[in-house]
PDB file of all heavy atoms in Angstrom:
ATOM      1  N   PHE A   1     141.355  -0.440-131.097  1.00  0.00           N
ATOM      2  CA  PHE A   1     140.393  -1.445-130.654  1.00  0.00           C
ATOM      3  C   PHE A   1     138.958  -1.002-130.930  1.00  0.00           C
ATOM      4  O   PHE A   1     138.104  -1.817-131.292  1.00  0.00           O
ATOM      5  CB  PHE A   1     140.572  -1.721-129.159  1.00  0.00           C
ATOM      6  CG  PHE A   1     141.696  -2.669-128.834  1.00  0.00           C
ATOM      7  CD1 PHE A   1     142.626  -2.345-127.862  1.00  0.00           C
ATOM      8  CD2 PHE A   1     141.820  -3.888-129.487  1.00  0.00           C
ATOM      9  CE1 PHE A   1     143.659  -3.226-127.544  1.00  0.00           C
ATOM     10  CE2 PHE A   1     142.847  -4.774-129.181  1.00  0.00           C
ATOM     11  CZ  PHE A   1     143.765  -4.446-128.202  1.00  0.00           C
ATOM     12  N   GLU A   2     138.684   0.289-130.744  1.00  0.00           N
ATOM     13  CA  GLU A   2     137.321   0.778-130.969  1.00  0.00           C
ATOM     14  C   GLU A   2     136.894   0.563-132.417  1.00  0.00           C
ATOM     15  O   GLU A   2     135.726   0.251-132.693  1.00  0.00           O
ATOM     16  CB  GLU A   2     137.235   2.265-130.616  1.00  0.00           C
ATOM     17  CG  GLU A   2     135.829   2.834-130.654  1.00  0.00           C
ATOM     18  CD  GLU A   2     134.915   2.211-129.622  1.00  0.00           C
ATOM     19  OE1 GLU A   2     135.143   2.422-128.420  1.00  0.00           O
ATOM     20  OE2 GLU A   2     133.967   1.499-130.029  1.00  0.00           O
ATOM     21  N   LYS A   3     137.835   0.703-133.335  1.00  0.00           N
ATOM     22  CA  LYS A   3     137.529   0.485-134.753  1.00  0.00           C
ATOM     23  C   LYS A   3     137.499  -0.998-135.102  1.00  0.00           C
ATOM     24  O   LYS A   3     136.666  -1.442-135.890  1.00  0.00           O
ATOM     25  CB  LYS A   3     138.558   1.207-135.621  1.00  0.00           C
ATOM     26  CG  LYS A   3     138.490   2.725-135.515  1.00  0.00           C
ATOM     27  CD  LYS A   3     139.639   3.381-136.263  1.00  0.00           C
ATOM     28  CE  LYS A   3     139.615   4.892-136.097  1.00  0.00           C
ATOM     29  NZ  LYS A   3     140.798   5.546-136.728  1.00  0.00           N
ATOM     30  N   ALA A   4     138.408  -1.773-134.514  1.00  0.00           N
ATOM     31  CA  ALA A   4     138.532  -3.189-134.873  1.00  0.00           C
ATOM     32  C   ALA A   4     137.525  -4.068-134.157  1.00  0.00           C
ATOM     33  O   ALA A   4     137.057  -5.072-134.721  1.00  0.00           O
ATOM     34  CB  ALA A   4     139.955  -3.675-134.568  1.00  0.00           C
ATOM     35  N   GLN A   5     137.172  -3.721-132.912  1.00  0.00           N
ATOM     36  CA  GLN A   5     136.281  -4.571-132.117  1.00  0.00           C
ATOM     37  C   GLN A   5     135.275  -3.713-131.355  1.00  0.00           C
ATOM     38  O   GLN A   5     135.268  -3.688-130.126  1.00  0.00           O
ATOM     39  CB  GLN A   5     137.107  -5.402-131.128  1.00  0.00           C
ATOM     40  CG  GLN A   5     138.179  -6.276-131.758  1.00  0.00           C
ATOM     41  CD  GLN A   5     139.051  -6.932-130.714  1.00  0.00           C
ATOM     42  OE1 GLN A   5     138.590  -7.390-129.668  1.00  0.00           O
ATOM     43  NE2 GLN A   5     140.347  -6.987-130.971  1.00  0.00           N
ATOM     44  N   PRO A   6     134.398  -3.025-132.052  1.00  0.00           N
ATOM     45  CA  PRO A   6     133.495  -2.087-131.383  1.00  0.00           C
ATOM     46  C   PRO A   6     132.455  -2.744-130.487  1.00  0.00           C
ATOM     47  O   PRO A   6     131.944  -2.123-129.560  1.00  0.00           O
ATOM     48  CB  PRO A   6     132.829  -1.352-132.553  1.00  0.00           C
ATOM     49  CG  PRO A   6     132.910  -2.326-133.693  1.00  0.00           C
ATOM     50  CD  PRO A   6     134.209  -3.030-133.511  1.00  0.00           C
ATOM     51  N   ASN A   7     132.123  -4.003-130.759  1.00  0.00           N
ATOM     52  CA  ASN A   7     131.056  -4.675-130.005  1.00  0.00           C
ATOM     53  C   ASN A   7     131.585  -5.837-129.173  1.00  0.00           C
ATOM     54  O   ASN A   7     130.904  -6.838-128.972  1.00  0.00           O
ATOM     55  CB  ASN A   7     129.977  -5.172-130.968  1.00  0.00           C
ATOM     56  CG  ASN A   7     129.358  -4.044-131.760  1.00  0.00           C
ATOM     57  OD1 ASN A   7     128.976  -3.017-131.200  1.00  0.00           O
ATOM     58  ND2 ASN A   7     129.263  -4.207-133.066  1.00  0.00           N
ATOM     59  N   VAL A   8     132.788  -5.720-128.679  1.00  0.00           N
ATOM     60  CA  VAL A   8     133.426  -6.799-127.938  1.00  0.00           C
ATOM     61  C   VAL A   8     132.697  -7.079-126.624  1.00  0.00           C
ATOM     62  O   VAL A   8     132.119  -6.179-126.009  1.00  0.00           O
ATOM     63  CB  VAL A   8     134.903  -6.438-127.656  1.00  0.00           C
ATOM     64  CG1 VAL A   8     135.002  -5.295-126.659  1.00  0.00           C
ATOM     65  CG2 VAL A   8     135.680  -7.648-127.181  1.00  0.00           C
ATOM     66  N   THR A   9     132.682  -8.346-126.224  1.00  0.00           N
ATOM     67  CA  THR A   9     132.118  -8.733-124.931  1.00  0.00           C
ATOM     68  C   THR A   9     132.779 -10.020-124.487  1.00  0.00           C
ATOM     69  O   THR A   9     133.657 -10.552-125.170  1.00  0.00           O
ATOM     70  CB  THR A   9     130.590  -8.893-125.006  1.00  0.00           C
ATOM     71  OG1 THR A   9     130.066  -9.091-123.670  1.00  0.00           O
ATOM     72  CG2 THR A   9     130.197 -10.072-125.890  1.00  0.00           C
ATOM     73  N   THR A  10     132.353 -10.549-123.366  1.00  0.00           N
ATOM     74  CA  THR A  10     132.941 -11.773-122.851  1.00  0.00           C
ATOM     75  C   THR A  10     132.671 -12.954-123.789  1.00  0.00           C
ATOM     76  O   THR A  10     131.649 -12.988-124.486  1.00  0.00           O
ATOM     77  CB  THR A  10     132.393 -12.103-121.449  1.00  0.00           C
ATOM     78  OG1 THR A  10     132.975 -13.329-120.985  1.00  0.00           O
ATOM     79  CG2 THR A  10     130.884 -12.242-121.471  1.00  0.00           C
ATOM     80  N   GLU A  11     133.565 -13.925-123.786  1.00  0.00           N
ATOM     81  CA  GLU A  11     133.368 -15.141-124.569  1.00  0.00           C
ATOM     82  C   GLU A  11     132.615 -16.202-123.770  1.00  0.00           C
ATOM     83  O   GLU A  11     132.288 -17.260-124.310  1.00  0.00           O
ATOM     84  CB  GLU A  11     134.720 -15.687-125.035  1.00  0.00           C
ATOM     85  CG  GLU A  11     135.418 -14.784-126.037  1.00  0.00           C
ATOM     86  CD  GLU A  11     136.690 -15.373-126.610  1.00  0.00           C
ATOM     87  OE1 GLU A  11     137.433 -16.038-125.865  1.00  0.00           O
ATOM     88  OE2 GLU A  11     136.946 -15.166-127.818  1.00  0.00           O
ATOM     89  N   LEU A  12     132.345 -15.940-122.507  1.00  0.00           N
ATOM     90  CA  LEU A  12     131.572 -16.875-121.690  1.00  0.00           C
ATOM     91  C   LEU A  12     130.101 -16.839-122.099  1.00  0.00           C
ATOM     92  O   LEU A  12     129.576 -15.786-122.459  1.00  0.00           O
ATOM     93  CB  LEU A  12     131.703 -16.510-120.208  1.00  0.00           C
ATOM     94  CG  LEU A  12     133.080 -16.690-119.577  1.00  0.00           C
ATOM     95  CD1 LEU A  12     133.107 -16.071-118.182  1.00  0.00           C
ATOM     96  CD2 LEU A  12     133.469 -18.163-119.522  1.00  0.00           C
ATOM     97  N   HIS A  13     129.444 -17.986-121.999  1.00  0.00           N
ATOM     98  CA  HIS A  13     128.022 -18.095-122.320  1.00  0.00           C
ATOM     99  C   HIS A  13     127.212 -18.119-121.026  1.00  0.00           C
ATOM    100  O   HIS A  13     127.511 -18.903-120.122  1.00  0.00           O
ATOM    101  CB  HIS A  13     127.752 -19.365-123.123  1.00  0.00           C
ATOM    102  CG  HIS A  13     128.479 -19.423-124.428  1.00  0.00           C
ATOM    103  ND1 HIS A  13     128.656 -20.580-125.158  1.00  0.00           N
ATOM    104  CD2 HIS A  13     129.091 -18.439-125.154  1.00  0.00           C
ATOM    105  CE1 HIS A  13     129.341 -20.325-126.252  1.00  0.00           C
ATOM    106  NE2 HIS A  13     129.620 -19.022-126.272  1.00  0.00           N
ATOM    107  N   PHE A  14     126.178 -17.295-120.959  1.00  0.00           N
ATOM    108  CA  PHE A  14     125.373 -17.227-119.739  1.00  0.00           C
ATOM    109  C   PHE A  14     124.014 -16.634-120.062  1.00  0.00           C
ATOM    110  O   PHE A  14     123.850 -15.963-121.089  1.00  0.00           O
ATOM    111  CB  PHE A  14     126.076 -16.373-118.679  1.00  0.00           C
ATOM    112  CG  PHE A  14     126.308 -14.952-119.112  1.00  0.00           C
ATOM    113  CD1 PHE A  14     125.387 -13.958-118.809  1.00  0.00           C
ATOM    114  CD2 PHE A  14     127.435 -14.599-119.845  1.00  0.00           C
ATOM    115  CE1 PHE A  14     125.594 -12.646-119.226  1.00  0.00           C
ATOM    116  CE2 PHE A  14     127.659 -13.299-120.267  1.00  0.00           C
ATOM    117  CZ  PHE A  14     126.733 -12.320-119.943  1.00  0.00           C
ATOM    118  N   GLY A  15     123.040 -16.861-119.175  1.00  0.00           N
ATOM    119  CA  GLY A  15     121.709 -16.340-119.410  1.00  0.00           C
ATOM    120  C   GLY A  15     121.167 -15.491-118.284  1.00  0.00           C
ATOM    121  O   GLY A  15     120.014 -15.040-118.326  1.00  0.00           O
ATOM    122  N   SER A  16     121.978 -15.279-117.248  1.00  0.00           N
ATOM    123  CA  SER A  16     121.539 -14.489-116.104  1.00  0.00           C
ATOM    124  C   SER A  16     122.758 -14.023-115.330  1.00  0.00           C
ATOM    125  O   SER A  16     123.880 -14.491-115.570  1.00  0.00           O
ATOM    126  CB  SER A  16     120.645 -15.336-115.180  1.00  0.00           C
ATOM    127  OG  SER A  16     121.407 -16.397-114.603  1.00  0.00           O
ATOM    128  N   ALA A  17     122.528 -13.129-114.374  1.00  0.00           N
ATOM    129  CA  ALA A  17     123.636 -12.667-113.539  1.00  0.00           C
ATOM    130  C   ALA A  17     124.240 -13.830-112.758  1.00  0.00           C
ATOM    131  O   ALA A  17     125.468 -13.928-112.610  1.00  0.00           O
ATOM    132  CB  ALA A  17     123.147 -11.581-112.578  1.00  0.00           C
ATOM    133  N   PHE A  18     123.388 -14.724-112.276  1.00  0.00           N
ATOM    134  CA  PHE A  18     123.888 -15.886-111.541  1.00  0.00           C
ATOM    135  C   PHE A  18     124.760 -16.764-112.425  1.00  0.00           C
ATOM    136  O   PHE A  18     125.843 -17.208-112.010  1.00  0.00           O
ATOM    137  CB  PHE A  18     122.709 -16.699-110.990  1.00  0.00           C
ATOM    138  CG  PHE A  18     123.126 -17.999-110.366  1.00  0.00           C
ATOM    139  CD1 PHE A  18     123.748 -18.018-109.122  1.00  0.00           C
ATOM    140  CD2 PHE A  18     122.907 -19.200-111.020  1.00  0.00           C
ATOM    141  CE1 PHE A  18     124.150 -19.226-108.546  1.00  0.00           C
ATOM    142  CE2 PHE A  18     123.291 -20.404-110.451  1.00  0.00           C
ATOM    143  CZ  PHE A  18     123.924 -20.419-109.210  1.00  0.00           C
ATOM    144  N   GLN A  19     124.317 -17.011-113.634  1.00  0.00           N
ATOM    145  CA  GLN A  19     125.101 -17.865-114.530  1.00  0.00           C
ATOM    146  C   GLN A  19     126.415 -17.203-114.935  1.00  0.00           C
ATOM    147  O   GLN A  19     127.435 -17.881-115.087  1.00  0.00           O
ATOM    148  CB  GLN A  19     124.262 -18.226-115.753  1.00  0.00           C
ATOM    149  CG  GLN A  19     123.104 -19.154-115.414  1.00  0.00           C
ATOM    150  CD  GLN A  19     122.266 -19.546-116.616  1.00  0.00           C
ATOM    151  OE1 GLN A  19     122.615 -19.245-117.762  1.00  0.00           O
ATOM    152  NE2 GLN A  19     121.151 -20.219-116.373  1.00  0.00           N
ATOM    153  N   LEU A  20     126.418 -15.889-115.089  1.00  0.00           N
ATOM    154  CA  LEU A  20     127.671 -15.189-115.365  1.00  0.00           C
ATOM    155  C   LEU A  20     128.611 -15.311-114.169  1.00  0.00           C
ATOM    156  O   LEU A  20     129.821 -15.543-114.333  1.00  0.00           O
ATOM    157  CB  LEU A  20     127.401 -13.708-115.665  1.00  0.00           C
ATOM    158  CG  LEU A  20     128.639 -12.816-115.800  1.00  0.00           C
ATOM    159  CD1 LEU A  20     129.548 -13.282-116.938  1.00  0.00           C
ATOM    160  CD2 LEU A  20     128.223 -11.358-116.023  1.00  0.00           C
ATOM    161  N   LEU A  21     128.071 -15.182-112.971  1.00  0.00           N
ATOM    162  CA  LEU A  21     128.879 -15.305-111.756  1.00  0.00           C
ATOM    163  C   LEU A  21     129.498 -16.694-111.669  1.00  0.00           C
ATOM    164  O   LEU A  21     130.690 -16.846-111.395  1.00  0.00           O
ATOM    165  CB  LEU A  21     128.007 -15.018-110.533  1.00  0.00           C
ATOM    166  CG  LEU A  21     128.705 -14.972-109.175  1.00  0.00           C
ATOM    167  CD1 LEU A  21     129.735 -13.853-109.129  1.00  0.00           C
ATOM    168  CD2 LEU A  21     127.671 -14.789-108.063  1.00  0.00           C
ATOM    169  N   VAL A  22     128.699 -17.717-111.915  1.00  0.00           N
ATOM    170  CA  VAL A  22     129.185 -19.097-111.871  1.00  0.00           C
ATOM    171  C   VAL A  22     130.259 -19.315-112.933  1.00  0.00           C
ATOM    172  O   VAL A  22     131.323 -19.881-112.662  1.00  0.00           O
ATOM    173  CB  VAL A  22     128.023 -20.095-112.067  1.00  0.00           C
ATOM    174  CG1 VAL A  22     128.552 -21.503-112.300  1.00  0.00           C
ATOM    175  CG2 VAL A  22     127.092 -20.069-110.862  1.00  0.00           C
ATOM    176  N   SER A  23     129.994 -18.876-114.161  1.00  0.00           N
ATOM    177  CA  SER A  23     130.949 -19.073-115.252  1.00  0.00           C
ATOM    178  C   SER A  23     132.269 -18.372-114.978  1.00  0.00           C
ATOM    179  O   SER A  23     133.349 -18.912-115.252  1.00  0.00           O
ATOM    180  CB  SER A  23     130.354 -18.562-116.565  1.00  0.00           C
ATOM    181  OG  SER A  23     129.223 -19.316-116.945  1.00  0.00           O
ATOM    182  N   THR A  24     132.189 -17.161-114.444  1.00  0.00           N
ATOM    183  CA  THR A  24     133.409 -16.406-114.148  1.00  0.00           C
ATOM    184  C   THR A  24     134.199 -17.067-113.031  1.00  0.00           C
ATOM    185  O   THR A  24     135.431 -17.162-113.095  1.00  0.00           O
ATOM    186  CB  THR A  24     133.066 -14.958-113.778  1.00  0.00           C
ATOM    187  OG1 THR A  24     132.265 -14.379-114.806  1.00  0.00           O
ATOM    188  CG2 THR A  24     134.326 -14.122-113.620  1.00  0.00           C
ATOM    189  N   LEU A  25     133.506 -17.540-112.016  1.00  0.00           N
ATOM    190  CA  LEU A  25     134.179 -18.262-110.932  1.00  0.00           C
ATOM    191  C   LEU A  25     134.892 -19.494-111.477  1.00  0.00           C
ATOM    192  O   LEU A  25     136.052 -19.761-111.140  1.00  0.00           O
ATOM    193  CB  LEU A  25     133.162 -18.647-109.860  1.00  0.00           C
ATOM    194  CG  LEU A  25     133.663 -19.262-108.556  1.00  0.00           C
ATOM    195  CD1 LEU A  25     132.647 -19.021-107.436  1.00  0.00           C
ATOM    196  CD2 LEU A  25     133.912 -20.760-108.674  1.00  0.00           C
ATOM    197  N   LEU A  26     134.220 -20.235-112.335  1.00  0.00           N
ATOM    198  CA  LEU A  26     134.805 -21.447-112.902  1.00  0.00           C
ATOM    199  C   LEU A  26     135.977 -21.151-113.826  1.00  0.00           C
ATOM    200  O   LEU A  26     136.875 -21.986-113.996  1.00  0.00           O
ATOM    201  CB  LEU A  26     133.738 -22.228-113.685  1.00  0.00           C
ATOM    202  CG  LEU A  26     132.641 -22.906-112.865  1.00  0.00           C
ATOM    203  CD1 LEU A  26     131.598 -23.524-113.805  1.00  0.00           C
ATOM    204  CD2 LEU A  26     133.208 -23.979-111.949  1.00  0.00           C
ATOM    205  N   SER A  27     135.985 -19.966-114.434  1.00  0.00           N
ATOM    206  CA  SER A  27     136.979 -19.667-115.463  1.00  0.00           C
ATOM    207  C   SER A  27     138.367 -19.360-114.910  1.00  0.00           C
ATOM    208  O   SER A  27     139.321 -19.256-115.676  1.00  0.00           O
ATOM    209  CB  SER A  27     136.513 -18.493-116.333  1.00  0.00           C
ATOM    210  OG  SER A  27     136.544 -17.278-115.598  1.00  0.00           O
ATOM    211  N   ALA A  28     138.498 -19.226-113.600  1.00  0.00           N
ATOM    212  CA  ALA A  28     139.811 -18.934-113.016  1.00  0.00           C
ATOM    213  C   ALA A  28     140.798 -20.040-113.382  1.00  0.00           C
ATOM    214  O   ALA A  28     140.540 -21.216-113.132  1.00  0.00           O
ATOM    215  CB  ALA A  28     139.690 -18.812-111.502  1.00  0.00           C
ATOM    216  N   GLN A  29     141.902 -19.647-114.017  1.00  0.00           N
ATOM    217  CA  GLN A  29     142.960 -20.578-114.437  1.00  0.00           C
ATOM    218  C   GLN A  29     142.410 -21.690-115.333  1.00  0.00           C
ATOM    219  O   GLN A  29     142.854 -22.836-115.281  1.00  0.00           O
ATOM    220  CB  GLN A  29     143.675 -21.159-113.221  1.00  0.00           C
ATOM    221  CG  GLN A  29     144.395 -20.092-112.408  1.00  0.00           C
ATOM    222  CD  GLN A  29     145.141 -20.638-111.224  1.00  0.00           C
ATOM    223  OE1 GLN A  29     144.613 -21.426-110.453  1.00  0.00           O
ATOM    224  NE2 GLN A  29     146.382 -20.225-111.070  1.00  0.00           N
ATOM    225  N   CYS A  30     141.440 -21.323-116.150  1.00  0.00           N
ATOM    226  CA  CYS A  30     140.840 -22.268-117.094  1.00  0.00           C
ATOM    227  C   CYS A  30     140.389 -21.484-118.319  1.00  0.00           C
ATOM    228  O   CYS A  30     140.171 -20.274-118.249  1.00  0.00           O
ATOM    229  CB  CYS A  30     139.651 -22.981-116.444  1.00  0.00           C
ATOM    230  SG  CYS A  30     139.115 -24.491-117.283  1.00  0.00           S
ATOM    231  N   THR A  31     140.245 -22.149-119.446  1.00  0.00           N
ATOM    232  CA  THR A  31     139.857 -21.443-120.663  1.00  0.00           C
ATOM    233  C   THR A  31     138.344 -21.256-120.737  1.00  0.00           C
ATOM    234  O   THR A  31     137.573 -22.078-120.234  1.00  0.00           O
ATOM    235  CB  THR A  31     140.321 -22.212-121.910  1.00  0.00           C
ATOM    236  OG1 THR A  31     139.602 -23.463-121.991  1.00  0.00           O
ATOM    237  CG2 THR A  31     141.815 -22.489-121.869  1.00  0.00           C
TER     238      THR A  31
END
């Protein structure tokens, strides 16, 4: 994985800690 995906991160889009929190909460049992 380190060789194939060295810069991996979440696929969620967000601009702040609050928006990441909201997006993650919403993502439960959803794509």
